């Protein structure tokens, strides 16, 4: 079944939004959660920066994927 241009564009936007939401969640999981956890432990302020950087890179990749998906919009 063929979909119209409007429906196709909305599906593309929905997919891009999914990638962007996962990217935002990755920042929360990889950076904000360890930072908050380190503030509430008795061991002092310690964030696993290598792991946080991996999460940030992953978030960047997902953001790039969202940009590529949006490039498929039809005029």
PDB file of N, CA and C in Angstrom:
ATOM      1  N   UNK A   1       0.837  -1.166   0.000  1.00  0.00           N
ATOM      2  CA  UNK A   1       0.000   0.000   0.000  1.00  0.00           C
ATOM      3  C   UNK A   1       0.886   1.235   0.000  1.00  0.00           C
ATOM      4  N   UNK A   2       0.663   2.115  -0.905  1.00  0.00           N
ATOM      5  CA  UNK A   2       1.443   3.340  -1.015  1.00  0.00           C
ATOM      6  C   UNK A   2       0.908   4.380  -0.041  1.00  0.00           C
ATOM      7  N   UNK A   3       1.830   5.109   0.565  1.00  0.00           N
ATOM      8  CA  UNK A   3       1.430   6.179   1.480  1.00  0.00           C
ATOM      9  C   UNK A   3       1.670   7.513   0.797  1.00  0.00           C
ATOM     10  N   UNK A   4       0.890   8.500   1.187  1.00  0.00           N
ATOM     11  CA  UNK A   4       1.043   9.827   0.615  1.00  0.00           C
ATOM     12  C   UNK A   4       2.302  10.502   1.128  1.00  0.00           C
ATOM     13  N   UNK A   5       2.621  11.612   0.502  1.00  0.00           N
ATOM     14  CA  UNK A   5       3.817  12.366   0.854  1.00  0.00           C
ATOM     15  C   UNK A   5       3.751  12.852   2.309  1.00  0.00           C
ATOM     16  N   UNK A   6       2.595  13.313   2.726  1.00  0.00           N
ATOM     17  CA  UNK A   6       2.441  13.810   4.093  1.00  0.00           C
ATOM     18  C   UNK A   6       2.653  12.709   5.126  1.00  0.00           C
ATOM     19  N   UNK A   7       2.064  11.546   4.881  1.00  0.00           N
ATOM     20  CA  UNK A   7       2.222  10.425   5.809  1.00  0.00           C
ATOM     21  C   UNK A   7       3.672   9.948   5.837  1.00  0.00           C
ATOM     22  N   UNK A   8       4.312   9.910   4.684  1.00  0.00           N
ATOM     23  CA  UNK A   8       5.716   9.509   4.623  1.00  0.00           C
ATOM     24  C   UNK A   8       6.584  10.470   5.436  1.00  0.00           C
ATOM     25  N   UNK A   9       6.359  11.777   5.255  1.00  0.00           N
ATOM     26  CA  UNK A   9       7.140  12.770   5.982  1.00  0.00           C
ATOM     27  C   UNK A   9       6.937  12.650   7.493  1.00  0.00           C
ATOM     28  N   UNK A  10       5.722  12.368   7.912  1.00  0.00           N
ATOM     29  CA  UNK A  10       5.464  12.218   9.347  1.00  0.00           C
ATOM     30  C   UNK A  10       6.160  10.980   9.901  1.00  0.00           C
ATOM     31  N   UNK A  11       6.205   9.912   9.133  1.00  0.00           N
ATOM     32  CA  UNK A  11       6.929   8.708   9.577  1.00  0.00           C
ATOM     33  C   UNK A  11       8.423   8.979   9.673  1.00  0.00           C
ATOM     34  N   UNK A  12       8.958   9.723   8.739  1.00  0.00           N
ATOM     35  CA  UNK A  12      10.378  10.078   8.772  1.00  0.00           C
ATOM     36  C   UNK A  12      10.666  10.933  10.004  1.00  0.00           C
ATOM     37  N   UNK A  13       9.798  11.900  10.276  1.00  0.00           N
ATOM     38  CA  UNK A  13       9.985  12.752  11.451  1.00  0.00           C
ATOM     39  C   UNK A  13       9.897  11.948  12.739  1.00  0.00           C
ATOM     40  N   UNK A  14       8.982  10.983  12.775  1.00  0.00           N
ATOM     41  CA  UNK A  14       8.835  10.128  13.950  1.00  0.00           C
ATOM     42  C   UNK A  14      10.101   9.309  14.191  1.00  0.00           C
ATOM     43  N   UNK A  15      10.683   8.764  13.133  1.00  0.00           N
ATOM     44  CA  UNK A  15      11.918   7.999  13.257  1.00  0.00           C
ATOM     45  C   UNK A  15      13.068   8.892  13.725  1.00  0.00           C
ATOM     46  N   UNK A  16      13.170  10.091  13.170  1.00  0.00           N
ATOM     47  CA  UNK A  16      14.215  11.022  13.597  1.00  0.00           C
ATOM     48  C   UNK A  16      14.029  11.397  15.066  1.00  0.00           C
ATOM     49  N   UNK A  17      12.796  11.570  15.486  1.00  0.00           N
ATOM     50  CA  UNK A  17      12.508  11.889  16.882  1.00  0.00           C
ATOM     51  C   UNK A  17      12.904  10.734  17.800  1.00  0.00           C
ATOM     52  N   UNK A  18      12.693   9.513  17.351  1.00  0.00           N
ATOM     53  CA  UNK A  18      13.117   8.346  18.134  1.00  0.00           C
ATOM     54  C   UNK A  18      14.624   8.369  18.348  1.00  0.00           C
ATOM     55  N   UNK A  19      15.391   8.594  17.268  1.00  0.00           N
ATOM     56  CA  UNK A  19      16.849   8.660  17.404  1.00  0.00           C
ATOM     57  C   UNK A  19      17.267   9.775  18.344  1.00  0.00           C
ATOM     58  N   UNK A  20      16.626  10.931  18.232  1.00  0.00           N
ATOM     59  CA  UNK A  20      16.980  12.065  19.070  1.00  0.00           C
ATOM     60  C   UNK A  20      16.625  11.790  20.533  1.00  0.00           C
ATOM     61  N   UNK A  21      15.512  11.117  20.785  1.00  0.00           N
ATOM     62  CA  UNK A  21      15.127  10.769  22.156  1.00  0.00           C
ATOM     63  C   UNK A  21      16.115   9.792  22.774  1.00  0.00           C
ATOM     64  N   UNK A  22      16.552   8.817  22.003  1.00  0.00           N
ATOM     65  CA  UNK A  22      17.539   7.868  22.513  1.00  0.00           C
ATOM     66  C   UNK A  22      18.858   8.583  22.777  1.00  0.00           C
ATOM     67  N   UNK A  23      19.225   9.532  21.925  1.00  0.00           N
ATOM     68  CA  UNK A  23      20.453  10.297  22.129  1.00  0.00           C
ATOM     69  C   UNK A  23      20.381  11.097  23.423  1.00  0.00           C
ATOM     70  N   UNK A  24      19.250  11.729  23.677  1.00  0.00           N
ATOM     71  CA  UNK A  24      19.078  12.507  24.905  1.00  0.00           C
ATOM     72  C   UNK A  24      19.125  11.603  26.129  1.00  0.00           C
ATOM     73  N   UNK A  25      18.503  10.448  26.040  1.00  0.00           N
ATOM     74  CA  UNK A  25      18.545   9.488  27.145  1.00  0.00           C
ATOM     75  C   UNK A  25      19.967   8.994  27.377  1.00  0.00           C
ATOM     76  N   UNK A  26      20.733   8.830  26.322  1.00  0.00           N
ATOM     77  CA  UNK A  26      22.127   8.392  26.455  1.00  0.00           C
ATOM     78  C   UNK A  26      22.947   9.399  27.241  1.00  0.00           C
ATOM     79  N   UNK A  27      22.681  10.674  27.037  1.00  0.00           N
ATOM     80  CA  UNK A  27      23.387  11.701  27.812  1.00  0.00           C
ATOM     81  C   UNK A  27      23.016  11.569  29.289  1.00  0.00           C
ATOM     82  N   UNK A  28      21.746  11.337  29.561  1.00  0.00           N
ATOM     83  CA  UNK A  28      21.314  11.165  30.947  1.00  0.00           C
ATOM     84  C   UNK A  28      21.926   9.948  31.611  1.00  0.00           C
ATOM     85  N   UNK A  29      21.961   8.846  30.879  1.00  0.00           N
ATOM     86  CA  UNK A  29      22.501   7.603  31.432  1.00  0.00           C
ATOM     87  C   UNK A  29      24.016   7.676  31.581  1.00  0.00           C
ATOM     88  N   UNK A  30      24.675   8.219  30.582  1.00  0.00           N
ATOM     89  CA  UNK A  30      26.133   8.177  30.564  1.00  0.00           C
ATOM     90  C   UNK A  30      26.822   9.303  31.302  1.00  0.00           C
ATOM     91  N   UNK A  31      26.159  10.421  31.481  1.00  0.00           N
ATOM     92  CA  UNK A  31      26.817  11.561  32.109  1.00  0.00           C
ATOM     93  C   UNK A  31      26.099  12.022  33.370  1.00  0.00           C
ATOM     94  N   UNK A  32      24.818  12.271  33.275  1.00  0.00           N
ATOM     95  CA  UNK A  32      24.107  12.829  34.419  1.00  0.00           C
ATOM     96  C   UNK A  32      23.908  11.827  35.555  1.00  0.00           C
ATOM     97  N   UNK A  33      23.597  10.588  35.242  1.00  0.00           N
ATOM     98  CA  UNK A  33      23.396   9.587  36.290  1.00  0.00           C
ATOM     99  C   UNK A  33      24.681   9.318  37.083  1.00  0.00           C
ATOM    100  N   UNK A  34      25.836   9.091  36.435  1.00  0.00           N
ATOM    101  CA  UNK A  34      27.060   8.907  37.230  1.00  0.00           C
ATOM    102  C   UNK A  34      27.435  10.157  38.034  1.00  0.00           C
ATOM    103  N   UNK A  35      27.180  11.324  37.466  1.00  0.00           N
ATOM    104  CA  UNK A  35      27.472  12.554  38.184  1.00  0.00           C
ATOM    105  C   UNK A  35      26.604  12.665  39.435  1.00  0.00           C
ATOM    106  N   UNK A  36      25.320  12.392  39.306  1.00  0.00           N
ATOM    107  CA  UNK A  36      24.426  12.425  40.463  1.00  0.00           C
ATOM    108  C   UNK A  36      24.799  11.354  41.480  1.00  0.00           C
ATOM    109  N   UNK A  37      25.146  10.168  41.004  1.00  0.00           N
ATOM    110  CA  UNK A  37      25.530   9.089  41.917  1.00  0.00           C
ATOM    111  C   UNK A  37      26.796   9.440  42.689  1.00  0.00           C
ATOM    112  N   UNK A  38      27.735  10.096  42.037  1.00  0.00           N
ATOM    113  CA  UNK A  38      28.978  10.441  42.724  1.00  0.00           C
ATOM    114  C   UNK A  38      28.749  11.506  43.794  1.00  0.00           C
ATOM    115  N   UNK A  39      27.735  12.321  43.626  1.00  0.00           N
ATOM    116  CA  UNK A  39      27.433  13.341  44.632  1.00  0.00           C
ATOM    117  C   UNK A  39      26.825  12.741  45.894  1.00  0.00           C
ATOM    118  N   UNK A  40      26.190  11.572  45.773  1.00  0.00           N
ATOM    119  CA  UNK A  40      25.501  10.968  46.900  1.00  0.00           C
ATOM    120  C   UNK A  40      26.244   9.779  47.506  1.00  0.00           C
ATOM    121  N   UNK A  41      27.486   9.570  47.150  1.00  0.00           N
ATOM    122  CA  UNK A  41      28.264   8.490  47.753  1.00  0.00           C
ATOM    123  C   UNK A  41      29.284   9.076  48.710  1.00  0.00           C
ATOM    124  N   UNK A  42      29.742   8.264  49.618  1.00  0.00           N
ATOM    125  CA  UNK A  42      30.730   8.721  50.593  1.00  0.00           C
ATOM    126  C   UNK A  42      32.151   8.649  50.046  1.00  0.00           C
ATOM    127  N   UNK A  43      32.327   8.142  48.839  1.00  0.00           N
ATOM    128  CA  UNK A  43      33.659   7.995  48.262  1.00  0.00           C
ATOM    129  C   UNK A  43      34.151   9.275  47.610  1.00  0.00           C
ATOM    130  N   UNK A  44      33.329  10.286  47.568  1.00  0.00           N
ATOM    131  CA  UNK A  44      33.756  11.542  46.973  1.00  0.00           C
ATOM    132  C   UNK A  44      33.289  11.690  45.536  1.00  0.00           C
ATOM    133  N   UNK A  45      33.780  12.722  44.924  1.00  0.00           N
ATOM    134  CA  UNK A  45      33.357  13.097  43.576  1.00  0.00           C
ATOM    135  C   UNK A  45      34.201  12.349  42.550  1.00  0.00           C
ATOM    136  N   UNK A  46      33.595  11.363  41.907  1.00  0.00           N
ATOM    137  CA  UNK A  46      34.324  10.563  40.928  1.00  0.00           C
ATOM    138  C   UNK A  46      33.366  10.111  39.825  1.00  0.00           C
ATOM    139  N   UNK A  47      33.615  10.616  38.642  1.00  0.00           N
ATOM    140  CA  UNK A  47      32.797  10.224  37.487  1.00  0.00           C
ATOM    141  C   UNK A  47      33.677   9.418  36.543  1.00  0.00           C
ATOM    142  N   UNK A  48      33.215   8.251  36.088  1.00  0.00           N
ATOM    143  CA  UNK A  48      33.994   7.475  35.119  1.00  0.00           C
ATOM    144  C   UNK A  48      33.986   8.176  33.756  1.00  0.00           C
ATOM    145  N   UNK A  49      34.958   9.045  33.536  1.00  0.00           N
ATOM    146  CA  UNK A  49      34.951   9.901  32.352  1.00  0.00           C
ATOM    147  C   UNK A  49      35.093   9.132  31.048  1.00  0.00           C
ATOM    148  N   UNK A  50      35.810   8.020  31.053  1.00  0.00           N
ATOM    149  CA  UNK A  50      35.932   7.253  29.800  1.00  0.00           C
ATOM    150  C   UNK A  50      34.575   6.688  29.384  1.00  0.00           C
ATOM    151  N   UNK A  51      33.833   6.174  30.344  1.00  0.00           N
ATOM    152  CA  UNK A  51      32.492   5.672  30.041  1.00  0.00           C
ATOM    153  C   UNK A  51      31.551   6.793  29.640  1.00  0.00           C
ATOM    154  N   UNK A  52      31.666   7.928  30.316  1.00  0.00           N
ATOM    155  CA  UNK A  52      30.825   9.076  29.981  1.00  0.00           C
ATOM    156  C   UNK A  52      31.107   9.558  28.563  1.00  0.00           C
ATOM    157  N   UNK A  53      32.369   9.556  28.179  1.00  0.00           N
ATOM    158  CA  UNK A  53      32.717   9.991  26.824  1.00  0.00           C
ATOM    159  C   UNK A  53      32.171   9.026  25.772  1.00  0.00           C
ATOM    160  N   UNK A  54      32.187   7.735  26.076  1.00  0.00           N
ATOM    161  CA  UNK A  54      31.611   6.762  25.145  1.00  0.00           C
ATOM    162  C   UNK A  54      30.110   7.019  24.957  1.00  0.00           C
ATOM    163  N   UNK A  55      29.410   7.306  26.060  1.00  0.00           N
ATOM    164  CA  UNK A  55      27.989   7.616  25.960  1.00  0.00           C
ATOM    165  C   UNK A  55      27.761   8.897  25.163  1.00  0.00           C
ATOM    166  N   UNK A  56      28.629   9.888  25.336  1.00  0.00           N
ATOM    167  CA  UNK A  56      28.480  11.138  24.600  1.00  0.00           C
ATOM    168  C   UNK A  56      28.726  10.918  23.098  1.00  0.00           C
ATOM    169  N   UNK A  57      29.701  10.096  22.777  1.00  0.00           N
ATOM    170  CA  UNK A  57      29.953   9.777  21.365  1.00  0.00           C
ATOM    171  C   UNK A  57      28.748   9.051  20.780  1.00  0.00           C
ATOM    172  N   UNK A  58      28.201   8.109  21.539  1.00  0.00           N
ATOM    173  CA  UNK A  58      27.011   7.381  21.093  1.00  0.00           C
ATOM    174  C   UNK A  58      25.855   8.351  20.857  1.00  0.00           C
ATOM    175  N   UNK A  59      25.675   9.310  21.760  1.00  0.00           N
ATOM    176  CA  UNK A  59      24.620  10.305  21.595  1.00  0.00           C
ATOM    177  C   UNK A  59      24.851  11.124  20.326  1.00  0.00           C
ATOM    178  N   UNK A  60      26.111  11.465  20.039  1.00  0.00           N
ATOM    179  CA  UNK A  60      26.432  12.205  18.823  1.00  0.00           C
ATOM    180  C   UNK A  60      26.131  11.400  17.565  1.00  0.00           C
ATOM    181  N   UNK A  61      26.425  10.109  17.609  1.00  0.00           N
ATOM    182  CA  UNK A  61      26.135   9.235  16.462  1.00  0.00           C
ATOM    183  C   UNK A  61      24.625   9.172  16.226  1.00  0.00           C
ATOM    184  N   UNK A  62      23.868   9.036  17.294  1.00  0.00           N
ATOM    185  CA  UNK A  62      22.414   8.983  17.150  1.00  0.00           C
ATOM    186  C   UNK A  62      21.853  10.311  16.648  1.00  0.00           C
ATOM    187  N   UNK A  63      22.406  11.411  17.111  1.00  0.00           N
ATOM    188  CA  UNK A  63      21.970  12.715  16.622  1.00  0.00           C
ATOM    189  C   UNK A  63      22.267  12.842  15.122  1.00  0.00           C
ATOM    190  N   UNK A  64      23.428  12.377  14.710  1.00  0.00           N
ATOM    191  CA  UNK A  64      23.768  12.385  13.287  1.00  0.00           C
ATOM    192  C   UNK A  64      22.820  11.513  12.480  1.00  0.00           C
ATOM    193  N   UNK A  65      22.447  10.359  13.043  1.00  0.00           N
ATOM    194  CA  UNK A  65      21.496   9.480  12.358  1.00  0.00           C
ATOM    195  C   UNK A  65      20.153  10.182  12.199  1.00  0.00           C
ATOM    196  N   UNK A  66      19.736  10.921  13.213  1.00  0.00           N
ATOM    197  CA  UNK A  66      18.479  11.668  13.119  1.00  0.00           C
ATOM    198  C   UNK A  66      18.562  12.711  12.007  1.00  0.00           C
ATOM    199  N   UNK A  67      19.703  13.367  11.879  1.00  0.00           N
ATOM    200  CA  UNK A  67      19.873  14.360  10.812  1.00  0.00           C
ATOM    201  C   UNK A  67      19.811  13.701   9.428  1.00  0.00           C
ATOM    202  N   UNK A  68      20.426  12.527   9.313  1.00  0.00           N
ATOM    203  CA  UNK A  68      20.384  11.815   8.038  1.00  0.00           C
ATOM    204  C   UNK A  68      18.963  11.380   7.685  1.00  0.00           C
ATOM    205  N   UNK A  69      18.234  10.921   8.677  1.00  0.00           N
ATOM    206  CA  UNK A  69      16.854  10.502   8.446  1.00  0.00           C
ATOM    207  C   UNK A  69      16.016  11.689   7.987  1.00  0.00           C
ATOM    208  N   UNK A  70      16.225  12.852   8.604  1.00  0.00           N
ATOM    209  CA  UNK A  70      15.454  14.027   8.212  1.00  0.00           C
ATOM    210  C   UNK A  70      15.786  14.467   6.775  1.00  0.00           C
ATOM    211  N   UNK A  71      16.951  14.085   6.293  1.00  0.00           N
ATOM    212  CA  UNK A  71      17.303  14.387   4.919  1.00  0.00           C
ATOM    213  C   UNK A  71      16.454  13.639   3.902  1.00  0.00           C
ATOM    214  N   UNK A  72      15.695  12.649   4.348  1.00  0.00           N
ATOM    215  CA  UNK A  72      14.831  11.870   3.446  1.00  0.00           C
ATOM    216  C   UNK A  72      13.458  12.467   3.259  1.00  0.00           C
ATOM    217  N   UNK A  73      13.180  13.600   3.918  1.00  0.00           N
ATOM    218  CA  UNK A  73      11.869  14.231   3.770  1.00  0.00           C
ATOM    219  C   UNK A  73      11.593  14.569   2.307  1.00  0.00           C
ATOM    220  N   UNK A  74      10.366  14.405   1.893  1.00  0.00           N
ATOM    221  CA  UNK A  74       9.959  14.729   0.521  1.00  0.00           C
ATOM    222  C   UNK A  74       9.335  16.114   0.480  1.00  0.00           C
ATOM    223  N   UNK A  75       9.588  16.795  -0.580  1.00  0.00           N
ATOM    224  CA  UNK A  75       8.988  18.129  -0.740  1.00  0.00           C
ATOM    225  C   UNK A  75       7.694  18.059  -1.498  1.00  0.00           C
TER     226      UNK A  75
END
